[in-house]
């Protein structure tokens, strides 16, 4: 007696009809509750959308900022590392210069505030 007998192929048939009337399987309300930001991502990534509005993070960028982003995107990895290293060195040098100017201001007593005279 074989308890693992192969089922007849007629037993594997299903006559269930799937409702394909709506291509939207996940309603918008469910997605917005489950995963915040999904709706914005889907609208940006869907090719049939035809939406040409920029994303929220690009709304505050000026043309110079966008050009700089394109410039960084065109750099190779090594060039990008060199650019970042140069910016770090520039930031360090600005900090050193600021420290010198603050020390100079202290020595010249430029930063000392006069006592306010309110005339009371």
PDB file of N, CA and C in Angstrom:
ATOM      1  N   UNK A   1       0.830  -1.170   0.000  1.00  0.00           N
ATOM      2  CA  UNK A   1       0.000   0.000   0.000  1.00  0.00           C
ATOM      3  C   UNK A   1       0.884   1.247   0.000  1.00  0.00           C
ATOM      4  N   UNK A   2       0.754   2.017  -1.031  1.00  0.00           N
ATOM      5  CA  UNK A   2       1.556   3.226  -1.175  1.00  0.00           C
ATOM      6  C   UNK A   2       0.738   4.426  -0.707  1.00  0.00           C
ATOM      7  N   UNK A   3       1.139   5.035   0.429  1.00  0.00           N
ATOM      8  CA  UNK A   3       0.387   6.168   0.973  1.00  0.00           C
ATOM      9  C   UNK A   3       0.732   7.475   0.251  1.00  0.00           C
ATOM     10  N   UNK A   4       1.797   7.456  -0.555  1.00  0.00           N
ATOM     11  CA  UNK A   4       2.216   8.649  -1.284  1.00  0.00           C
ATOM     12  C   UNK A   4       1.906   8.514  -2.766  1.00  0.00           C
ATOM     13  N   UNK A   5       0.761   8.103  -3.096  1.00  0.00           N
ATOM     14  CA  UNK A   5       0.381   7.905  -4.493  1.00  0.00           C
ATOM     15  C   UNK A   5       0.252   9.254  -5.181  1.00  0.00           C
ATOM     16  N   UNK A   6       0.635   9.322  -6.436  1.00  0.00           N
ATOM     17  CA  UNK A   6       0.547  10.547  -7.215  1.00  0.00           C
ATOM     18  C   UNK A   6      -0.919  10.869  -7.490  1.00  0.00           C
ATOM     19  N   UNK A   7      -1.324  12.143  -7.305  1.00  0.00           N
ATOM     20  CA  UNK A   7      -2.711  12.506  -7.571  1.00  0.00           C
ATOM     21  C   UNK A   7      -2.974  12.534  -9.074  1.00  0.00           C
ATOM     22  N   UNK A   8      -4.193  12.314  -9.401  1.00  0.00           N
ATOM     23  CA  UNK A   8      -4.623  12.368 -10.785  1.00  0.00           C
ATOM     24  C   UNK A   8      -4.582  13.832 -11.242  1.00  0.00           C
ATOM     25  N   UNK A   9      -4.225  14.093 -12.490  1.00  0.00           N
ATOM     26  CA  UNK A   9      -4.125  15.471 -12.970  1.00  0.00           C
ATOM     27  C   UNK A   9      -5.468  16.182 -12.938  1.00  0.00           C
ATOM     28  N   UNK A  10      -6.563  15.446 -13.028  1.00  0.00           N
ATOM     29  CA  UNK A  10      -7.882  16.069 -12.927  1.00  0.00           C
ATOM     30  C   UNK A  10      -8.123  16.618 -11.520  1.00  0.00           C
ATOM     31  N   UNK A  11      -7.483  16.044 -10.527  1.00  0.00           N
ATOM     32  CA  UNK A  11      -7.654  16.503  -9.156  1.00  0.00           C
ATOM     33  C   UNK A  11      -6.937  17.833  -8.911  1.00  0.00           C
ATOM     34  N   UNK A  12      -5.965  18.159  -9.758  1.00  0.00           N
ATOM     35  CA  UNK A  12      -5.184  19.379  -9.579  1.00  0.00           C
ATOM     36  C   UNK A  12      -5.806  20.581 -10.278  1.00  0.00           C
ATOM     37  N   UNK A  13      -6.814  20.412 -11.068  1.00  0.00           N
ATOM     38  CA  UNK A  13      -7.437  21.518 -11.776  1.00  0.00           C
ATOM     39  C   UNK A  13      -8.232  22.392 -10.822  1.00  0.00           C
ATOM     40  N   UNK A  14      -8.199  23.687 -11.072  1.00  0.00           N
ATOM     41  CA  UNK A  14      -8.976  24.632 -10.282  1.00  0.00           C
ATOM     42  C   UNK A  14      -9.880  25.403 -11.227  1.00  0.00           C
ATOM     43  N   UNK A  15     -11.114  25.518 -10.869  1.00  0.00           N
ATOM     44  CA  UNK A  15     -12.069  26.235 -11.704  1.00  0.00           C
ATOM     45  C   UNK A  15     -12.386  27.613 -11.114  1.00  0.00           C
ATOM     46  N   UNK A  16     -11.546  28.055 -10.210  1.00  0.00           N
ATOM     47  CA  UNK A  16     -11.734  29.361  -9.593  1.00  0.00           C
ATOM     48  C   UNK A  16     -11.405  30.446 -10.606  1.00  0.00           C
ATOM     49  N   UNK A  17     -12.253  31.461 -10.660  1.00  0.00           N
ATOM     50  CA  UNK A  17     -12.016  32.576 -11.574  1.00  0.00           C
ATOM     51  C   UNK A  17     -11.495  33.747 -10.751  1.00  0.00           C
ATOM     52  N   UNK A  18     -10.375  34.274 -11.159  1.00  0.00           N
ATOM     53  CA  UNK A  18      -9.782  35.410 -10.464  1.00  0.00           C
ATOM     54  C   UNK A  18     -10.320  36.696 -11.064  1.00  0.00           C
ATOM     55  N   UNK A  19     -10.698  37.628 -10.223  1.00  0.00           N
ATOM     56  CA  UNK A  19     -11.218  38.902 -10.694  1.00  0.00           C
ATOM     57  C   UNK A  19     -10.039  39.790 -11.079  1.00  0.00           C
ATOM     58  N   UNK A  20      -9.891  40.053 -12.342  1.00  0.00           N
ATOM     59  CA  UNK A  20      -8.807  40.908 -12.843  1.00  0.00           C
ATOM     60  C   UNK A  20      -9.358  42.234 -13.349  1.00  0.00           C
ATOM     61  N   UNK A  21     -10.481  42.660 -12.838  1.00  0.00           N
ATOM     62  CA  UNK A  21     -11.092  43.895 -13.311  1.00  0.00           C
ATOM     63  C   UNK A  21     -10.230  45.109 -12.979  1.00  0.00           C
ATOM     64  N   UNK A  22      -9.578  45.102 -11.838  1.00  0.00           N
ATOM     65  CA  UNK A  22      -8.783  46.243 -11.428  1.00  0.00           C
ATOM     66  C   UNK A  22      -7.316  45.836 -11.346  1.00  0.00           C
ATOM     67  N   UNK A  23      -6.439  46.564 -12.029  1.00  0.00           N
ATOM     68  CA  UNK A  23      -5.003  46.240 -11.917  1.00  0.00           C
ATOM     69  C   UNK A  23      -4.411  46.681 -10.589  1.00  0.00           C
ATOM     70  N   UNK A  24      -5.136  47.507  -9.849  1.00  0.00           N
ATOM     71  CA  UNK A  24      -4.628  48.003  -8.574  1.00  0.00           C
ATOM     72  C   UNK A  24      -4.936  46.991  -7.490  1.00  0.00           C
ATOM     73  N   UNK A  25      -3.926  46.246  -7.087  1.00  0.00           N
ATOM     74  CA  UNK A  25      -4.120  45.217  -6.080  1.00  0.00           C
ATOM     75  C   UNK A  25      -4.036  45.775  -4.668  1.00  0.00           C
ATOM     76  N   UNK A  26      -3.277  46.850  -4.515  1.00  0.00           N
ATOM     77  CA  UNK A  26      -3.114  47.442  -3.193  1.00  0.00           C
ATOM     78  C   UNK A  26      -3.714  48.838  -3.230  1.00  0.00           C
ATOM     79  N   UNK A  27      -4.802  49.060  -2.540  1.00  0.00           N
ATOM     80  CA  UNK A  27      -5.424  50.386  -2.559  1.00  0.00           C
ATOM     81  C   UNK A  27      -4.501  51.452  -1.982  1.00  0.00           C
ATOM     82  N   UNK A  28      -4.680  52.663  -2.446  1.00  0.00           N
ATOM     83  CA  UNK A  28      -3.817  53.767  -2.021  1.00  0.00           C
ATOM     84  C   UNK A  28      -3.909  54.019  -0.519  1.00  0.00           C
ATOM     85  N   UNK A  29      -5.101  53.885   0.047  1.00  0.00           N
ATOM     86  CA  UNK A  29      -5.262  54.118   1.488  1.00  0.00           C
ATOM     87  C   UNK A  29      -4.444  53.123   2.293  1.00  0.00           C
ATOM     88  N   UNK A  30      -4.424  51.878   1.854  1.00  0.00           N
ATOM     89  CA  UNK A  30      -3.666  50.864   2.576  1.00  0.00           C
ATOM     90  C   UNK A  30      -2.176  51.163   2.515  1.00  0.00           C
ATOM     91  N   UNK A  31      -1.675  51.520   1.329  1.00  0.00           N
ATOM     92  CA  UNK A  31      -0.245  51.792   1.190  1.00  0.00           C
ATOM     93  C   UNK A  31       0.173  53.002   2.005  1.00  0.00           C
ATOM     94  N   UNK A  32      -0.633  54.049   1.989  1.00  0.00           N
ATOM     95  CA  UNK A  32      -0.235  55.244   2.722  1.00  0.00           C
ATOM     96  C   UNK A  32      -0.243  55.006   4.228  1.00  0.00           C
ATOM     97  N   UNK A  33      -1.080  54.090   4.690  1.00  0.00           N
ATOM     98  CA  UNK A  33      -1.073  53.770   6.117  1.00  0.00           C
ATOM     99  C   UNK A  33       0.080  52.848   6.473  1.00  0.00           C
ATOM    100  N   UNK A  34       0.374  51.899   5.595  1.00  0.00           N
ATOM    101  CA  UNK A  34       1.389  50.901   5.901  1.00  0.00           C
ATOM    102  C   UNK A  34       2.801  51.459   5.745  1.00  0.00           C
ATOM    103  N   UNK A  35       3.063  52.128   4.638  1.00  0.00           N
ATOM    104  CA  UNK A  35       4.408  52.610   4.347  1.00  0.00           C
ATOM    105  C   UNK A  35       4.321  54.076   3.940  1.00  0.00           C
ATOM    106  N   UNK A  36       4.707  54.996   4.813  1.00  0.00           N
ATOM    107  CA  UNK A  36       4.647  56.412   4.460  1.00  0.00           C
ATOM    108  C   UNK A  36       5.596  56.739   3.312  1.00  0.00           C
ATOM    109  N   UNK A  37       5.145  57.565   2.396  1.00  0.00           N
ATOM    110  CA  UNK A  37       5.976  57.997   1.289  1.00  0.00           C
ATOM    111  C   UNK A  37       5.904  57.123   0.060  1.00  0.00           C
ATOM    112  N   UNK A  38       5.170  56.020   0.118  1.00  0.00           N
ATOM    113  CA  UNK A  38       5.100  55.110  -1.023  1.00  0.00           C
ATOM    114  C   UNK A  38       4.390  55.768  -2.194  1.00  0.00           C
ATOM    115  N   UNK A  39       3.335  56.494  -1.907  1.00  0.00           N
ATOM    116  CA  UNK A  39       2.583  57.121  -2.991  1.00  0.00           C
ATOM    117  C   UNK A  39       3.441  58.096  -3.786  1.00  0.00           C
ATOM    118  N   UNK A  40       4.263  58.901  -3.101  1.00  0.00           N
ATOM    119  CA  UNK A  40       5.134  59.842  -3.795  1.00  0.00           C
ATOM    120  C   UNK A  40       6.177  59.096  -4.629  1.00  0.00           C
ATOM    121  N   UNK A  41       6.705  58.006  -4.092  1.00  0.00           N
ATOM    122  CA  UNK A  41       7.706  57.237  -4.820  1.00  0.00           C
ATOM    123  C   UNK A  41       7.105  56.610  -6.072  1.00  0.00           C
ATOM    124  N   UNK A  42       5.914  56.059  -5.933  1.00  0.00           N
ATOM    125  CA  UNK A  42       5.277  55.405  -7.072  1.00  0.00           C
ATOM    126  C   UNK A  42       4.964  56.421  -8.153  1.00  0.00           C
ATOM    127  N   UNK A  43       4.486  57.598  -7.761  1.00  0.00           N
ATOM    128  CA  UNK A  43       4.169  58.599  -8.772  1.00  0.00           C
ATOM    129  C   UNK A  43       5.420  59.100  -9.476  1.00  0.00           C
ATOM    130  N   UNK A  44       6.546  59.113  -8.773  1.00  0.00           N
ATOM    131  CA  UNK A  44       7.788  59.545  -9.414  1.00  0.00           C
ATOM    132  C   UNK A  44       8.342  58.484 -10.351  1.00  0.00           C
ATOM    133  N   UNK A  45       8.188  57.220  -9.996  1.00  0.00           N
ATOM    134  CA  UNK A  45       8.817  56.141 -10.740  1.00  0.00           C
ATOM    135  C   UNK A  45       7.953  55.558 -11.840  1.00  0.00           C
ATOM    136  N   UNK A  46       6.663  55.851 -11.871  1.00  0.00           N
ATOM    137  CA  UNK A  46       5.808  55.227 -12.869  1.00  0.00           C
ATOM    138  C   UNK A  46       5.974  55.937 -14.207  1.00  0.00           C
ATOM    139  N   UNK A  47       6.331  55.189 -15.275  1.00  0.00           N
ATOM    140  CA  UNK A  47       6.578  55.813 -16.578  1.00  0.00           C
ATOM    141  C   UNK A  47       5.301  56.319 -17.238  1.00  0.00           C
ATOM    142  N   UNK A  48       4.169  55.694 -16.971  1.00  0.00           N
ATOM    143  CA  UNK A  48       2.930  56.116 -17.615  1.00  0.00           C
ATOM    144  C   UNK A  48       2.338  57.344 -16.956  1.00  0.00           C
ATOM    145  N   UNK A  49       2.934  57.777 -15.872  1.00  0.00           N
ATOM    146  CA  UNK A  49       2.406  58.902 -15.124  1.00  0.00           C
ATOM    147  C   UNK A  49       2.502  60.200 -15.920  1.00  0.00           C
ATOM    148  N   UNK A  50       3.633  60.428 -16.558  1.00  0.00           N
ATOM    149  CA  UNK A  50       3.841  61.661 -17.296  1.00  0.00           C
ATOM    150  C   UNK A  50       4.018  62.862 -16.391  1.00  0.00           C
ATOM    151  N   UNK A  51       4.242  62.632 -15.131  1.00  0.00           N
ATOM    152  CA  UNK A  51       4.405  63.699 -14.159  1.00  0.00           C
ATOM    153  C   UNK A  51       5.810  64.263 -14.268  1.00  0.00           C
ATOM    154  N   UNK A  52       5.934  65.551 -14.550  1.00  0.00           N
ATOM    155  CA  UNK A  52       7.246  66.166 -14.708  1.00  0.00           C
ATOM    156  C   UNK A  52       7.593  67.083 -13.552  1.00  0.00           C
ATOM    157  N   UNK A  53       6.803  67.056 -12.480  1.00  0.00           N
ATOM    158  CA  UNK A  53       7.125  67.901 -11.335  1.00  0.00           C
ATOM    159  C   UNK A  53       8.325  67.313 -10.601  1.00  0.00           C
ATOM    160  N   UNK A  54       9.251  68.176 -10.176  1.00  0.00           N
ATOM    161  CA  UNK A  54      10.436  67.677  -9.475  1.00  0.00           C
ATOM    162  C   UNK A  54      10.078  67.166  -8.092  1.00  0.00           C
ATOM    163  N   UNK A  55      10.909  66.280  -7.538  1.00  0.00           N
ATOM    164  CA  UNK A  55      10.669  65.799  -6.173  1.00  0.00           C
ATOM    165  C   UNK A  55      10.783  66.942  -5.161  1.00  0.00           C
ATOM    166  N   UNK A  56      10.276  66.695  -3.962  1.00  0.00           N
ATOM    167  CA  UNK A  56      10.265  67.725  -2.920  1.00  0.00           C
ATOM    168  C   UNK A  56      11.666  68.212  -2.578  1.00  0.00           C
ATOM    169  N   UNK A  57      12.640  67.296  -2.558  1.00  0.00           N
ATOM    170  CA  UNK A  57      13.988  67.696  -2.156  1.00  0.00           C
ATOM    171  C   UNK A  57      14.642  68.586  -3.206  1.00  0.00           C
ATOM    172  N   UNK A  58      14.146  68.550  -4.453  1.00  0.00           N
ATOM    173  CA  UNK A  58      14.719  69.393  -5.501  1.00  0.00           C
ATOM    174  C   UNK A  58      14.026  70.744  -5.602  1.00  0.00           C
ATOM    175  N   UNK A  59      12.941  70.945  -4.876  1.00  0.00           N
ATOM    176  CA  UNK A  59      12.169  72.179  -4.999  1.00  0.00           C
ATOM    177  C   UNK A  59      12.976  73.404  -4.556  1.00  0.00           C
ATOM    178  N   UNK A  60      13.844  73.246  -3.568  1.00  0.00           N
ATOM    179  CA  UNK A  60      14.611  74.377  -3.047  1.00  0.00           C
ATOM    180  C   UNK A  60      15.947  74.585  -3.747  1.00  0.00           C
ATOM    181  N   UNK A  61      16.274  73.734  -4.710  1.00  0.00           N
ATOM    182  CA  UNK A  61      17.561  73.849  -5.385  1.00  0.00           C
ATOM    183  C   UNK A  61      17.497  74.881  -6.503  1.00  0.00           C
ATOM    184  N   UNK A  62      18.569  75.634  -6.622  1.00  0.00           N
ATOM    185  CA  UNK A  62      18.689  76.581  -7.728  1.00  0.00           C
ATOM    186  C   UNK A  62      19.421  75.896  -8.870  1.00  0.00           C
ATOM    187  N   UNK A  63      19.492  76.569 -10.006  1.00  0.00           N
ATOM    188  CA  UNK A  63      20.143  75.983 -11.180  1.00  0.00           C
ATOM    189  C   UNK A  63      21.616  75.695 -10.919  1.00  0.00           C
ATOM    190  N   UNK A  64      22.278  76.571 -10.165  1.00  0.00           N
ATOM    191  CA  UNK A  64      23.693  76.337  -9.842  1.00  0.00           C
ATOM    192  C   UNK A  64      23.862  75.058  -9.028  1.00  0.00           C
ATOM    193  N   UNK A  65      22.946  74.822  -8.092  1.00  0.00           N
ATOM    194  CA  UNK A  65      23.014  73.607  -7.273  1.00  0.00           C
ATOM    195  C   UNK A  65      22.804  72.358  -8.126  1.00  0.00           C
ATOM    196  N   UNK A  66      21.852  72.417  -9.043  1.00  0.00           N
ATOM    197  CA  UNK A  66      21.580  71.275  -9.915  1.00  0.00           C
ATOM    198  C   UNK A  66      22.764  71.019 -10.830  1.00  0.00           C
ATOM    199  N   UNK A  67      23.381  72.087 -11.344  1.00  0.00           N
ATOM    200  CA  UNK A  67      24.567  71.917 -12.190  1.00  0.00           C
ATOM    201  C   UNK A  67      25.710  71.289 -11.406  1.00  0.00           C
ATOM    202  N   UNK A  68      25.856  71.683 -10.148  1.00  0.00           N
ATOM    203  CA  UNK A  68      26.904  71.101  -9.304  1.00  0.00           C
ATOM    204  C   UNK A  68      26.637  69.616  -9.058  1.00  0.00           C
ATOM    205  N   UNK A  69      25.373  69.248  -8.847  1.00  0.00           N
ATOM    206  CA  UNK A  69      25.028  67.834  -8.682  1.00  0.00           C
ATOM    207  C   UNK A  69      25.358  67.044  -9.943  1.00  0.00           C
ATOM    208  N   UNK A  70      25.054  67.616 -11.102  1.00  0.00           N
ATOM    209  CA  UNK A  70      25.378  66.935 -12.365  1.00  0.00           C
ATOM    210  C   UNK A  70      26.891  66.798 -12.529  1.00  0.00           C
ATOM    211  N   UNK A  71      27.619  67.829 -12.115  1.00  0.00           N
ATOM    212  CA  UNK A  71      29.084  67.764 -12.191  1.00  0.00           C
ATOM    213  C   UNK A  71      29.618  66.645 -11.300  1.00  0.00           C
ATOM    214  N   UNK A  72      29.112  66.557 -10.067  1.00  0.00           N
ATOM    215  CA  UNK A  72      29.548  65.493  -9.163  1.00  0.00           C
ATOM    216  C   UNK A  72      29.168  64.119  -9.713  1.00  0.00           C
ATOM    217  N   UNK A  73      28.021  64.016 -10.331  1.00  0.00           N
ATOM    218  CA  UNK A  73      27.573  62.726 -10.869  1.00  0.00           C
ATOM    219  C   UNK A  73      28.440  62.272 -12.029  1.00  0.00           C
ATOM    220  N   UNK A  74      29.041  63.222 -12.742  1.00  0.00           N
ATOM    221  CA  UNK A  74      29.860  62.848 -13.893  1.00  0.00           C
ATOM    222  C   UNK A  74      31.287  62.454 -13.497  1.00  0.00           C
ATOM    223  N   UNK A  75      31.678  62.673 -12.248  1.00  0.00           N
ATOM    224  CA  UNK A  75      33.029  62.344 -11.798  1.00  0.00           C
ATOM    225  C   UNK A  75      33.164  60.847 -11.541  1.00  0.00           C
ATOM    226  N   UNK A  76      34.382  60.364 -11.738  1.00  0.00           N
ATOM    227  CA  UNK A  76      34.651  58.972 -11.365  1.00  0.00           C
ATOM    228  C   UNK A  76      34.779  58.893  -9.846  1.00  0.00           C
ATOM    229  N   UNK A  77      34.858  57.687  -9.330  1.00  0.00           N
ATOM    230  CA  UNK A  77      34.951  57.510  -7.879  1.00  0.00           C
ATOM    231  C   UNK A  77      36.203  58.180  -7.327  1.00  0.00           C
ATOM    232  N   UNK A  78      37.314  57.986  -7.996  1.00  0.00           N
ATOM    233  CA  UNK A  78      38.577  58.582  -7.544  1.00  0.00           C
ATOM    234  C   UNK A  78      38.515  60.103  -7.604  1.00  0.00           C
ATOM    235  N   UNK A  79      37.950  60.642  -8.672  1.00  0.00           N
ATOM    236  CA  UNK A  79      37.831  62.094  -8.793  1.00  0.00           C
ATOM    237  C   UNK A  79      36.910  62.657  -7.724  1.00  0.00           C
ATOM    238  N   UNK A  80      35.847  61.929  -7.411  1.00  0.00           N
ATOM    239  CA  UNK A  80      34.918  62.375  -6.382  1.00  0.00           C
ATOM    240  C   UNK A  80      35.600  62.384  -5.012  1.00  0.00           C
ATOM    241  N   UNK A  81      36.400  61.347  -4.723  1.00  0.00           N
ATOM    242  CA  UNK A  81      37.142  61.322  -3.461  1.00  0.00           C
ATOM    243  C   UNK A  81      38.120  62.492  -3.378  1.00  0.00           C
ATOM    244  N   UNK A  82      38.784  62.803  -4.484  1.00  0.00           N
ATOM    245  CA  UNK A  82      39.717  63.935  -4.495  1.00  0.00           C
ATOM    246  C   UNK A  82      38.977  65.251  -4.272  1.00  0.00           C
ATOM    247  N   UNK A  83      37.813  65.386  -4.879  1.00  0.00           N
ATOM    248  CA  UNK A  83      37.012  66.595  -4.709  1.00  0.00           C
ATOM    249  C   UNK A  83      36.578  66.737  -3.245  1.00  0.00           C
ATOM    250  N   UNK A  84      36.139  65.648  -2.638  1.00  0.00           N
ATOM    251  CA  UNK A  84      35.725  65.667  -1.233  1.00  0.00           C
ATOM    252  C   UNK A  84      36.913  65.990  -0.340  1.00  0.00           C
ATOM    253  N   UNK A  85      38.055  65.404  -0.628  1.00  0.00           N
ATOM    254  CA  UNK A  85      39.255  65.676   0.162  1.00  0.00           C
ATOM    255  C   UNK A  85      39.620  67.156   0.064  1.00  0.00           C
ATOM    256  N   UNK A  86      39.506  67.728  -1.134  1.00  0.00           N
ATOM    257  CA  UNK A  86      39.780  69.154  -1.313  1.00  0.00           C
ATOM    258  C   UNK A  86      38.813  70.022  -0.522  1.00  0.00           C
ATOM    259  N   UNK A  87      37.528  69.641  -0.511  1.00  0.00           N
ATOM    260  CA  UNK A  87      36.545  70.397   0.268  1.00  0.00           C
ATOM    261  C   UNK A  87      36.809  70.295   1.768  1.00  0.00           C
ATOM    262  N   UNK A  88      37.242  69.116   2.219  1.00  0.00           N
ATOM    263  CA  UNK A  88      37.580  68.955   3.636  1.00  0.00           C
ATOM    264  C   UNK A  88      38.787  69.810   4.005  1.00  0.00           C
ATOM    265  N   UNK A  89      39.787  69.838   3.149  1.00  0.00           N
ATOM    266  CA  UNK A  89      40.969  70.666   3.408  1.00  0.00           C
ATOM    267  C   UNK A  89      40.598  72.142   3.427  1.00  0.00           C
ATOM    268  N   UNK A  90      39.716  72.559   2.519  1.00  0.00           N
ATOM    269  CA  UNK A  90      39.271  73.941   2.480  1.00  0.00           C
ATOM    270  C   UNK A  90      38.503  74.298   3.761  1.00  0.00           C
ATOM    271  N   UNK A  91      37.641  73.407   4.225  1.00  0.00           N
ATOM    272  CA  UNK A  91      36.895  73.647   5.451  1.00  0.00           C
ATOM    273  C   UNK A  91      37.841  73.742   6.651  1.00  0.00           C
ATOM    274  N   UNK A  92      38.862  72.892   6.685  1.00  0.00           N
ATOM    275  CA  UNK A  92      39.837  72.945   7.773  1.00  0.00           C
ATOM    276  C   UNK A  92      40.588  74.271   7.748  1.00  0.00           C
ATOM    277  N   UNK A  93      41.023  74.689   6.560  1.00  0.00           N
ATOM    278  CA  UNK A  93      41.767  75.940   6.434  1.00  0.00           C
ATOM    279  C   UNK A  93      40.906  77.132   6.832  1.00  0.00           C
ATOM    280  N   UNK A  94      39.627  77.106   6.478  1.00  0.00           N
ATOM    281  CA  UNK A  94      38.727  78.186   6.898  1.00  0.00           C
ATOM    282  C   UNK A  94      38.581  78.221   8.420  1.00  0.00           C
ATOM    283  N   UNK A  95      38.543  77.048   9.056  1.00  0.00           N
ATOM    284  CA  UNK A  95      38.475  76.985  10.509  1.00  0.00           C
ATOM    285  C   UNK A  95      39.724  77.556  11.157  1.00  0.00           C
ATOM    286  N   UNK A  96      40.877  77.261  10.582  1.00  0.00           N
ATOM    287  CA  UNK A  96      42.138  77.793  11.118  1.00  0.00           C
ATOM    288  C   UNK A  96      42.172  79.308  10.970  1.00  0.00           C
ATOM    289  N   UNK A  97      41.753  79.804   9.799  1.00  0.00           N
ATOM    290  CA  UNK A  97      41.727  81.253   9.587  1.00  0.00           C
ATOM    291  C   UNK A  97      40.751  81.932  10.532  1.00  0.00           C
ATOM    292  N   UNK A  98      39.604  81.309  10.761  1.00  0.00           N
ATOM    293  CA  UNK A  98      38.617  81.870  11.683  1.00  0.00           C
ATOM    294  C   UNK A  98      39.176  81.928  13.099  1.00  0.00           C
ATOM    295  N   UNK A  99      39.901  80.883  13.502  1.00  0.00           N
ATOM    296  CA  UNK A  99      40.501  80.859  14.823  1.00  0.00           C
ATOM    297  C   UNK A  99      41.525  82.004  14.965  1.00  0.00           C
ATOM    298  N   UNK A 100      42.312  82.230  13.944  1.00  0.00           N
ATOM    299  CA  UNK A 100      43.299  83.317  13.988  1.00  0.00           C
ATOM    300  C   UNK A 100      42.605  84.670  14.122  1.00  0.00           C
ATOM    301  N   UNK A 101      41.533  84.863  13.361  1.00  0.00           N
ATOM    302  CA  UNK A 101      40.812  86.137  13.423  1.00  0.00           C
ATOM    303  C   UNK A 101      40.138  86.334  14.778  1.00  0.00           C
ATOM    304  N   UNK A 102      39.604  85.254  15.358  1.00  0.00           N
ATOM    305  CA  UNK A 102      38.984  85.363  16.684  1.00  0.00           C
ATOM    306  C   UNK A 102      40.040  85.713  17.734  1.00  0.00           C
ATOM    307  N   UNK A 103      41.216  85.089  17.636  1.00  0.00           N
ATOM    308  CA  UNK A 103      42.303  85.400  18.578  1.00  0.00           C
ATOM    309  C   UNK A 103      42.748  86.852  18.409  1.00  0.00           C
ATOM    310  N   UNK A 104      42.826  87.292  17.188  1.00  0.00           N
ATOM    311  CA  UNK A 104      43.212  88.672  16.918  1.00  0.00           C
ATOM    312  C   UNK A 104      42.180  89.639  17.490  1.00  0.00           C
ATOM    313  N   UNK A 105      40.896  89.297  17.324  1.00  0.00           N
ATOM    314  CA  UNK A 105      39.839  90.146  17.870  1.00  0.00           C
ATOM    315  C   UNK A 105      39.882  90.212  19.383  1.00  0.00           C
ATOM    316  N   UNK A 106      40.220  89.103  20.037  1.00  0.00           N
ATOM    317  CA  UNK A 106      40.338  89.099  21.488  1.00  0.00           C
ATOM    318  C   UNK A 106      41.499  89.978  21.937  1.00  0.00           C
ATOM    319  N   UNK A 107      42.627  89.876  21.219  1.00  0.00           N
ATOM    320  CA  UNK A 107      43.799  90.676  21.592  1.00  0.00           C
ATOM    321  C   UNK A 107      43.526  92.163  21.406  1.00  0.00           C
ATOM    322  N   UNK A 108      42.775  92.513  20.396  1.00  0.00           N
ATOM    323  CA  UNK A 108      42.457  93.917  20.150  1.00  0.00           C
ATOM    324  C   UNK A 108      41.227  94.375  20.926  1.00  0.00           C
ATOM    325  N   UNK A 109      40.636  93.450  21.679  1.00  0.00           N
ATOM    326  CA  UNK A 109      39.452  93.711  22.489  1.00  0.00           C
ATOM    327  C   UNK A 109      38.295  94.237  21.647  1.00  0.00           C
ATOM    328  N   UNK A 110      38.184  93.694  20.454  1.00  0.00           N
ATOM    329  CA  UNK A 110      37.101  94.072  19.560  1.00  0.00           C
ATOM    330  C   UNK A 110      35.804  93.407  20.000  1.00  0.00           C
ATOM    331  N   UNK A 111      35.905  92.223  20.556  1.00  0.00           N
ATOM    332  CA  UNK A 111      34.729  91.449  20.878  1.00  0.00           C
ATOM    333  C   UNK A 111      34.142  91.755  22.241  1.00  0.00           C
ATOM    334  N   UNK A 112      34.823  92.577  23.035  1.00  0.00           N
ATOM    335  CA  UNK A 112      34.275  92.913  24.343  1.00  0.00           C
ATOM    336  C   UNK A 112      33.079  93.820  24.146  1.00  0.00           C
ATOM    337  N   UNK A 113      32.022  93.484  24.818  1.00  0.00           N
ATOM    338  CA  UNK A 113      30.821  94.297  24.680  1.00  0.00           C
ATOM    339  C   UNK A 113      30.807  95.373  25.749  1.00  0.00           C
ATOM    340  N   UNK A 114      30.416  96.541  25.353  1.00  0.00           N
ATOM    341  CA  UNK A 114      30.299  97.641  26.320  1.00  0.00           C
ATOM    342  C   UNK A 114      29.052  97.407  27.148  1.00  0.00           C
ATOM    343  N   UNK A 115      29.102  97.866  28.392  1.00  0.00           N
ATOM    344  CA  UNK A 115      27.926  97.718  29.227  1.00  0.00           C
ATOM    345  C   UNK A 115      26.813  98.578  28.640  1.00  0.00           C
ATOM    346  N   UNK A 116      25.646  98.007  28.511  1.00  0.00           N
ATOM    347  CA  UNK A 116      24.554  98.790  27.924  1.00  0.00           C
ATOM    348  C   UNK A 116      24.106  99.913  28.863  1.00  0.00           C
ATOM    349  N   UNK A 117      23.858 101.064  28.299  1.00  0.00           N
ATOM    350  CA  UNK A 117      23.384 102.201  29.071  1.00  0.00           C
ATOM    351  C   UNK A 117      21.918 102.413  28.717  1.00  0.00           C
ATOM    352  N   UNK A 118      21.058 102.001  29.629  1.00  0.00           N
ATOM    353  CA  UNK A 118      19.624 102.110  29.372  1.00  0.00           C
ATOM    354  C   UNK A 118      19.072 103.457  29.820  1.00  0.00           C
ATOM    355  N   UNK A 119      19.832 104.221  30.524  1.00  0.00           N
ATOM    356  CA  UNK A 119      19.390 105.553  30.958  1.00  0.00           C
ATOM    357  C   UNK A 119      18.354 105.499  32.075  1.00  0.00           C
ATOM    358  N   UNK A 120      18.394 104.515  32.909  1.00  0.00           N
ATOM    359  CA  UNK A 120      17.425 104.428  34.002  1.00  0.00           C
ATOM    360  C   UNK A 120      17.923 105.155  35.156  1.00  0.00           C
TER     361      UNK A 120
END
